[in-house]
PDB file of all heavy atoms in Angstrom:
ATOM      1  N   ARG A   1       3.253  -5.032   5.034  1.00  0.00           N
ATOM      2  CA  ARG A   1       2.456  -6.281   5.008  1.00  0.00           C
ATOM      3  C   ARG A   1       2.394  -6.826   6.406  1.00  0.00           C
ATOM      4  O   ARG A   1       3.346  -7.067   7.038  1.00  0.00           O
ATOM      5  CB  ARG A   1       3.181  -7.297   4.025  1.00  0.00           C
ATOM      6  CG  ARG A   1       2.246  -8.536   3.917  1.00  0.00           C
ATOM      7  CD  ARG A   1       2.841  -9.588   2.946  1.00  0.00           C
ATOM      8  NE  ARG A   1       4.244  -9.904   3.274  1.00  0.00           N
ATOM      9  CZ  ARG A   1       4.530 -10.822   4.297  1.00  0.00           C
ATOM     10  NH1 ARG A   1       3.584 -11.364   4.993  1.00  0.00           N
ATOM     11  NH2 ARG A   1       5.843 -11.155   4.514  1.00  0.00           N
ATOM     12  N   LEU A   2       1.146  -7.050   6.798  1.00  0.00           N
ATOM     13  CA  LEU A   2       0.906  -7.700   8.081  1.00  0.00           C
ATOM     14  C   LEU A   2       0.985  -9.246   8.037  1.00  0.00           C
ATOM     15  O   LEU A   2       1.014  -9.736   6.899  1.00  0.00           O
ATOM     16  CB  LEU A   2      -0.478  -7.230   8.567  1.00  0.00           C
ATOM     17  CG  LEU A   2      -0.503  -5.909   9.199  1.00  0.00           C
ATOM     18  CD1 LEU A   2      -0.477  -4.839   8.165  1.00  0.00           C
ATOM     19  CD2 LEU A   2      -1.845  -5.695  10.024  1.00  0.00           C
ATOM     20  N   PRO A   3       1.022  -9.953   9.099  1.00  0.00           N
ATOM     21  CA  PRO A   3       1.136 -11.385   9.055  1.00  0.00           C
ATOM     22  C   PRO A   3      -0.019 -12.049   8.258  1.00  0.00           C
ATOM     23  O   PRO A   3      -1.218 -11.537   8.336  1.00  0.00           O
ATOM     24  CB  PRO A   3       1.077 -11.802  10.539  1.00  0.00           C
ATOM     25  CG  PRO A   3       1.622 -10.621  11.226  1.00  0.00           C
ATOM     26  CD  PRO A   3       1.094  -9.419  10.544  1.00  0.00           C
ATOM     27  N   PHE A   4       0.243 -13.123   7.561  1.00  0.00           N
ATOM     28  CA  PHE A   4      -0.821 -13.772   6.739  1.00  0.00           C
ATOM     29  C   PHE A   4      -1.804 -14.401   7.814  1.00  0.00           C
ATOM     30  O   PHE A   4      -1.389 -14.797   8.918  1.00  0.00           O
ATOM     31  CB  PHE A   4      -0.209 -14.899   5.930  1.00  0.00           C
ATOM     32  CG  PHE A   4       0.727 -14.364   4.881  1.00  0.00           C
ATOM     33  CD1 PHE A   4       2.049 -14.596   4.829  1.00  0.00           C
ATOM     34  CD2 PHE A   4       0.108 -13.728   3.734  1.00  0.00           C
ATOM     35  CE1 PHE A   4       2.850 -14.136   3.884  1.00  0.00           C
ATOM     36  CE2 PHE A   4       0.989 -13.165   2.733  1.00  0.00           C
ATOM     37  CZ  PHE A   4       2.314 -13.428   2.759  1.00  0.00           C
ATOM     38  N   ARG A   5      -2.985 -14.488   7.358  1.00  0.00           N
ATOM     39  CA  ARG A   5      -4.012 -15.142   8.284  1.00  0.00           C
ATOM     40  C   ARG A   5      -5.014 -15.889   7.307  1.00  0.00           C
ATOM     41  O   ARG A   5      -5.749 -15.313   6.471  1.00  0.00           O
ATOM     42  CB  ARG A   5      -4.792 -14.015   9.064  1.00  0.00           C
ATOM     43  CG  ARG A   5      -5.670 -14.701  10.137  1.00  0.00           C
ATOM     44  CD  ARG A   5      -6.319 -13.623  10.977  1.00  0.00           C
ATOM     45  NE  ARG A   5      -7.557 -13.235  10.575  1.00  0.00           N
ATOM     46  CZ  ARG A   5      -8.397 -12.340  11.111  1.00  0.00           C
ATOM     47  NH1 ARG A   5      -7.998 -11.774  12.332  1.00  0.00           N
ATOM     48  NH2 ARG A   5      -9.620 -12.117  10.760  1.00  0.00           N
ATOM     49  N   LYS A   6      -5.180 -17.161   7.521  1.00  0.00           N
ATOM     50  CA  LYS A   6      -6.061 -18.082   6.807  1.00  0.00           C
ATOM     51  C   LYS A   6      -5.896 -17.831   5.200  1.00  0.00           C
ATOM     52  O   LYS A   6      -6.841 -17.705   4.541  1.00  0.00           O
ATOM     53  CB  LYS A   6      -7.491 -17.773   7.131  1.00  0.00           C
ATOM     54  CG  LYS A   6      -7.888 -18.100   8.562  1.00  0.00           C
ATOM     55  CD  LYS A   6      -9.354 -17.815   8.786  1.00  0.00           C
ATOM     56  CE  LYS A   6      -9.727 -18.178  10.252  1.00  0.00           C
ATOM     57  NZ  LYS A   6     -11.258 -17.858  10.549  1.00  0.00           N
ATOM     58  N   LYS A   7      -4.625 -17.779   4.857  1.00  0.00           N
ATOM     59  CA  LYS A   7      -4.222 -17.535   3.392  1.00  0.00           C
ATOM     60  C   LYS A   7      -4.711 -16.229   2.899  1.00  0.00           C
ATOM     61  O   LYS A   7      -4.747 -16.035   1.675  1.00  0.00           O
ATOM     62  CB  LYS A   7      -4.791 -18.669   2.591  1.00  0.00           C
ATOM     63  CG  LYS A   7      -4.321 -20.095   3.002  1.00  0.00           C
ATOM     64  CD  LYS A   7      -4.822 -21.167   2.014  1.00  0.00           C
ATOM     65  CE  LYS A   7      -4.277 -22.492   2.442  1.00  0.00           C
ATOM     66  NZ  LYS A   7      -4.759 -23.609   1.553  1.00  0.00           N
ATOM     67  N   ALA A   8      -4.938 -15.226   3.805  1.00  0.00           N
ATOM     68  CA  ALA A   8      -5.358 -13.979   3.431  1.00  0.00           C
ATOM     69  C   ALA A   8      -4.165 -12.938   3.650  1.00  0.00           C
ATOM     70  O   ALA A   8      -3.456 -13.136   4.653  1.00  0.00           O
ATOM     71  CB  ALA A   8      -6.589 -13.525   4.146  1.00  0.00           C
ATOM     72  N   MET A   9      -4.067 -11.909   2.911  1.00  0.00           N
ATOM     73  CA  MET A   9      -3.016 -10.845   3.041  1.00  0.00           C
ATOM     74  C   MET A   9      -3.720  -9.503   3.390  1.00  0.00           C
ATOM     75  O   MET A   9      -4.683  -9.169   2.807  1.00  0.00           O
ATOM     76  CB  MET A   9      -2.207 -10.727   1.696  1.00  0.00           C
ATOM     77  CG  MET A   9      -1.102  -9.697   1.766  1.00  0.00           C
ATOM     78  SD  MET A   9      -0.252  -9.477   0.124  1.00  0.00           S
ATOM     79  CE  MET A   9       0.665 -11.039   0.130  1.00  0.00           C
ATOM     80  N   LEU A  10      -2.969  -8.831   4.194  1.00  0.00           N
ATOM     81  CA  LEU A  10      -3.470  -7.465   4.564  1.00  0.00           C
ATOM     82  C   LEU A  10      -2.228  -6.536   4.507  1.00  0.00           C
ATOM     83  O   LEU A  10      -1.197  -6.863   5.180  1.00  0.00           O
ATOM     84  CB  LEU A  10      -4.115  -7.445   6.007  1.00  0.00           C
ATOM     85  CG  LEU A  10      -4.670  -6.078   6.478  1.00  0.00           C
ATOM     86  CD1 LEU A  10      -5.801  -5.634   5.591  1.00  0.00           C
ATOM     87  CD2 LEU A  10      -5.196  -6.250   7.833  1.00  0.00           C
ATOM     88  N   ILE A  11      -2.365  -5.444   3.871  1.00  0.00           N
ATOM     89  CA  ILE A  11      -1.247  -4.363   3.753  1.00  0.00           C
ATOM     90  C   ILE A  11      -1.740  -3.076   4.252  1.00  0.00           C
ATOM     91  O   ILE A  11      -2.884  -2.642   3.930  1.00  0.00           O
ATOM     92  CB  ILE A  11      -0.842  -4.313   2.315  1.00  0.00           C
ATOM     93  CG1 ILE A  11      -0.222  -5.577   1.812  1.00  0.00           C
ATOM     94  CG2 ILE A  11       0.204  -3.141   2.132  1.00  0.00           C
ATOM     95  CD1 ILE A  11       0.040  -5.644   0.399  1.00  0.00           C
ATOM     96  N   GLU A  12      -0.938  -2.406   5.025  1.00  0.00           N
ATOM     97  CA  GLU A  12      -1.281  -1.058   5.523  1.00  0.00           C
ATOM     98  C   GLU A  12      -0.435  -0.155   4.766  1.00  0.00           C
ATOM     99  O   GLU A  12       0.839  -0.148   4.809  1.00  0.00           O
ATOM    100  CB  GLU A  12      -1.100  -0.874   6.989  1.00  0.00           C
ATOM    101  CG  GLU A  12      -1.530   0.466   7.442  1.00  0.00           C
ATOM    102  CD  GLU A  12      -1.544   0.620   9.029  1.00  0.00           C
ATOM    103  OE1 GLU A  12      -1.690  -0.357   9.702  1.00  0.00           O
ATOM    104  OE2 GLU A  12      -1.414   1.788   9.551  1.00  0.00           O
ATOM    105  N   LEU A  13      -0.993   0.802   3.935  1.00  0.00           N
ATOM    106  CA  LEU A  13      -0.255   1.762   3.146  1.00  0.00           C
ATOM    107  C   LEU A  13      -0.405   3.166   3.672  1.00  0.00           C
ATOM    108  O   LEU A  13      -1.535   3.568   3.867  1.00  0.00           O
ATOM    109  CB  LEU A  13      -0.712   1.697   1.704  1.00  0.00           C
ATOM    110  CG  LEU A  13      -0.229   2.827   0.756  1.00  0.00           C
ATOM    111  CD1 LEU A  13       1.225   2.704   0.465  1.00  0.00           C
ATOM    112  CD2 LEU A  13      -1.054   2.696  -0.569  1.00  0.00           C
ATOM    113  N   GLN A  14       0.630   3.821   4.069  1.00  0.00           N
ATOM    114  CA  GLN A  14       0.633   5.234   4.468  1.00  0.00           C
ATOM    115  C   GLN A  14       1.040   6.034   3.250  1.00  0.00           C
ATOM    116  O   GLN A  14       2.173   5.957   2.857  1.00  0.00           O
ATOM    117  CB  GLN A  14       1.606   5.465   5.620  1.00  0.00           C
ATOM    118  CG  GLN A  14       1.211   4.681   6.891  1.00  0.00           C
ATOM    119  CD  GLN A  14      -0.151   5.062   7.453  1.00  0.00           C
ATOM    120  OE1 GLN A  14      -0.517   6.364   7.359  1.00  0.00           O
ATOM    121  NE2 GLN A  14      -0.960   4.159   8.052  1.00  0.00           N
ATOM    122  N   LEU A  15       0.070   6.800   2.704  1.00  0.00           N
ATOM    123  CA  LEU A  15       0.418   7.582   1.576  1.00  0.00           C
ATOM    124  C   LEU A  15       1.299   8.810   1.902  1.00  0.00           C
ATOM    125  O   LEU A  15       1.070   9.495   2.888  1.00  0.00           O
ATOM    126  CB  LEU A  15      -0.925   8.109   1.032  1.00  0.00           C
ATOM    127  CG  LEU A  15      -1.923   7.019   0.418  1.00  0.00           C
ATOM    128  CD1 LEU A  15      -3.251   7.677  -0.024  1.00  0.00           C
ATOM    129  CD2 LEU A  15      -1.213   6.238  -0.762  1.00  0.00           C
ATOM    130  N   ASN A  16       2.199   9.056   0.994  1.00  0.00           N
ATOM    131  CA  ASN A  16       3.111  10.146   1.102  1.00  0.00           C
ATOM    132  C   ASN A  16       2.548  11.319   0.163  1.00  0.00           C
ATOM    133  O   ASN A  16       2.578  11.260  -1.053  1.00  0.00           O
ATOM    134  CB  ASN A  16       4.539   9.793   0.559  1.00  0.00           C
ATOM    135  CG  ASN A  16       5.518  10.817   0.818  1.00  0.00           C
ATOM    136  OD1 ASN A  16       5.135  11.988   0.889  1.00  0.00           O
ATOM    137  ND2 ASN A  16       6.819  10.421   0.715  1.00  0.00           N
ATOM    138  N   HIS A  17       2.036  12.354   0.789  1.00  0.00           N
ATOM    139  CA  HIS A  17       1.351  13.439   0.014  1.00  0.00           C
ATOM    140  C   HIS A  17       2.426  14.437  -0.480  1.00  0.00           C
ATOM    141  O   HIS A  17       2.010  15.342  -1.289  1.00  0.00           O
ATOM    142  CB  HIS A  17       0.347  14.116   0.923  1.00  0.00           C
ATOM    143  CG  HIS A  17      -0.828  13.221   1.088  1.00  0.00           C
ATOM    144  ND1 HIS A  17      -1.801  13.063   0.187  1.00  0.00           N
ATOM    145  CD2 HIS A  17      -1.164  12.464   2.101  1.00  0.00           C
ATOM    146  CE1 HIS A  17      -2.792  12.316   0.635  1.00  0.00           C
ATOM    147  NE2 HIS A  17      -2.374  11.873   1.799  1.00  0.00           N
ATOM    148  N   THR A  18       3.692  14.354  -0.159  1.00  0.00           N
ATOM    149  CA  THR A  18       4.745  15.283  -0.585  1.00  0.00           C
ATOM    150  C   THR A  18       5.388  14.707  -1.754  1.00  0.00           C
ATOM    151  O   THR A  18       6.092  15.414  -2.496  1.00  0.00           O
ATOM    152  CB  THR A  18       5.738  15.571   0.545  1.00  0.00           C
ATOM    153  OG1 THR A  18       6.474  14.381   0.847  1.00  0.00           O
ATOM    154  CG2 THR A  18       4.967  16.161   1.710  1.00  0.00           C
ATOM    155  N   GLN A  19       5.308  13.425  -1.993  1.00  0.00           N
ATOM    156  CA  GLN A  19       5.973  12.706  -3.159  1.00  0.00           C
ATOM    157  C   GLN A  19       5.322  13.038  -4.385  1.00  0.00           C
ATOM    158  O   GLN A  19       4.110  12.921  -4.560  1.00  0.00           O
ATOM    159  CB  GLN A  19       6.034  11.269  -2.767  1.00  0.00           C
ATOM    160  CG  GLN A  19       6.774  10.387  -3.886  1.00  0.00           C
ATOM    161  CD  GLN A  19       6.730   8.937  -3.469  1.00  0.00           C
ATOM    162  OE1 GLN A  19       6.636   8.591  -2.328  1.00  0.00           O
ATOM    163  NE2 GLN A  19       6.932   8.108  -4.518  1.00  0.00           N
ATOM    164  N   GLU A  20       6.090  13.460  -5.418  1.00  0.00           N
ATOM    165  CA  GLU A  20       5.520  13.706  -6.686  1.00  0.00           C
ATOM    166  C   GLU A  20       5.246  12.314  -7.452  1.00  0.00           C
ATOM    167  O   GLU A  20       6.035  11.514  -7.569  1.00  0.00           O
ATOM    168  CB  GLU A  20       6.493  14.552  -7.585  1.00  0.00           C
ATOM    169  CG  GLU A  20       5.968  14.910  -8.901  1.00  0.00           C
ATOM    170  CD  GLU A  20       6.892  15.821  -9.767  1.00  0.00           C
ATOM    171  OE1 GLU A  20       7.928  16.260  -9.160  1.00  0.00           O
ATOM    172  OE2 GLU A  20       6.606  16.144 -10.939  1.00  0.00           O
ATOM    173  N   ILE A  21       3.994  12.282  -7.876  1.00  0.00           N
ATOM    174  CA  ILE A  21       3.499  11.021  -8.500  1.00  0.00           C
ATOM    175  C   ILE A  21       3.266  11.207 -10.027  1.00  0.00           C
ATOM    176  O   ILE A  21       2.727  12.295 -10.360  1.00  0.00           O
ATOM    177  CB  ILE A  21       2.172  10.584  -7.883  1.00  0.00           C
ATOM    178  CG1 ILE A  21       2.349  10.307  -6.327  1.00  0.00           C
ATOM    179  CG2 ILE A  21       1.680   9.338  -8.530  1.00  0.00           C
ATOM    180  CD1 ILE A  21       3.305   9.222  -6.004  1.00  0.00           C
ATOM    181  N   ARG A  22       3.771  10.311 -10.816  1.00  0.00           N
ATOM    182  CA  ARG A  22       3.599  10.491 -12.208  1.00  0.00           C
ATOM    183  C   ARG A  22       2.077  10.264 -12.499  1.00  0.00           C
ATOM    184  O   ARG A  22       1.430   9.396 -12.030  1.00  0.00           O
ATOM    185  CB  ARG A  22       4.300   9.368 -12.935  1.00  0.00           C
ATOM    186  CG  ARG A  22       4.289   9.370 -14.433  1.00  0.00           C
ATOM    187  CD  ARG A  22       5.226   8.372 -15.042  1.00  0.00           C
ATOM    188  NE  ARG A  22       5.001   7.069 -14.676  1.00  0.00           N
ATOM    189  CZ  ARG A  22       5.715   5.955 -14.929  1.00  0.00           C
ATOM    190  NH1 ARG A  22       6.826   6.151 -15.667  1.00  0.00           N
ATOM    191  NH2 ARG A  22       5.355   4.802 -14.541  1.00  0.00           N
ATOM    192  N   PRO A  23       1.488  11.107 -13.368  1.00  0.00           N
ATOM    193  CA  PRO A  23       0.067  11.083 -13.607  1.00  0.00           C
ATOM    194  C   PRO A  23      -0.283   9.684 -14.346  1.00  0.00           C
ATOM    195  O   PRO A  23       0.506   9.153 -15.093  1.00  0.00           O
ATOM    196  CB  PRO A  23      -0.216  12.244 -14.521  1.00  0.00           C
ATOM    197  CG  PRO A  23       1.111  12.642 -15.126  1.00  0.00           C
ATOM    198  CD  PRO A  23       2.110  12.219 -14.091  1.00  0.00           C
ATOM    199  N   SER A  24      -1.574   9.293 -14.228  1.00  0.00           N
ATOM    200  CA  SER A  24      -2.016   8.132 -14.772  1.00  0.00           C
ATOM    201  C   SER A  24      -2.027   8.184 -16.279  1.00  0.00           C
ATOM    202  O   SER A  24      -2.141   9.301 -16.911  1.00  0.00           O
ATOM    203  CB  SER A  24      -3.530   7.823 -14.349  1.00  0.00           C
ATOM    204  OG  SER A  24      -4.076   6.749 -15.063  1.00  0.00           O
ATOM    205  N   THR A  25      -1.698   7.082 -16.936  1.00  0.00           N
ATOM    206  CA  THR A  25      -1.655   7.021 -18.468  1.00  0.00           C
ATOM    207  C   THR A  25      -3.051   6.712 -19.047  1.00  0.00           C
ATOM    208  O   THR A  25      -3.200   6.622 -20.223  1.00  0.00           O
ATOM    209  CB  THR A  25      -0.660   5.990 -18.915  1.00  0.00           C
ATOM    210  OG1 THR A  25      -0.950   4.737 -18.374  1.00  0.00           O
ATOM    211  CG2 THR A  25       0.764   6.356 -18.477  1.00  0.00           C
TER     212      THR A  25
END
């Protein structure tokens, strides 16, 4: 999570492509 700005939030997500993900329900 980056610093808040004008009551707005920004998140940088680095996806892990080796991690096993449970399929969507």
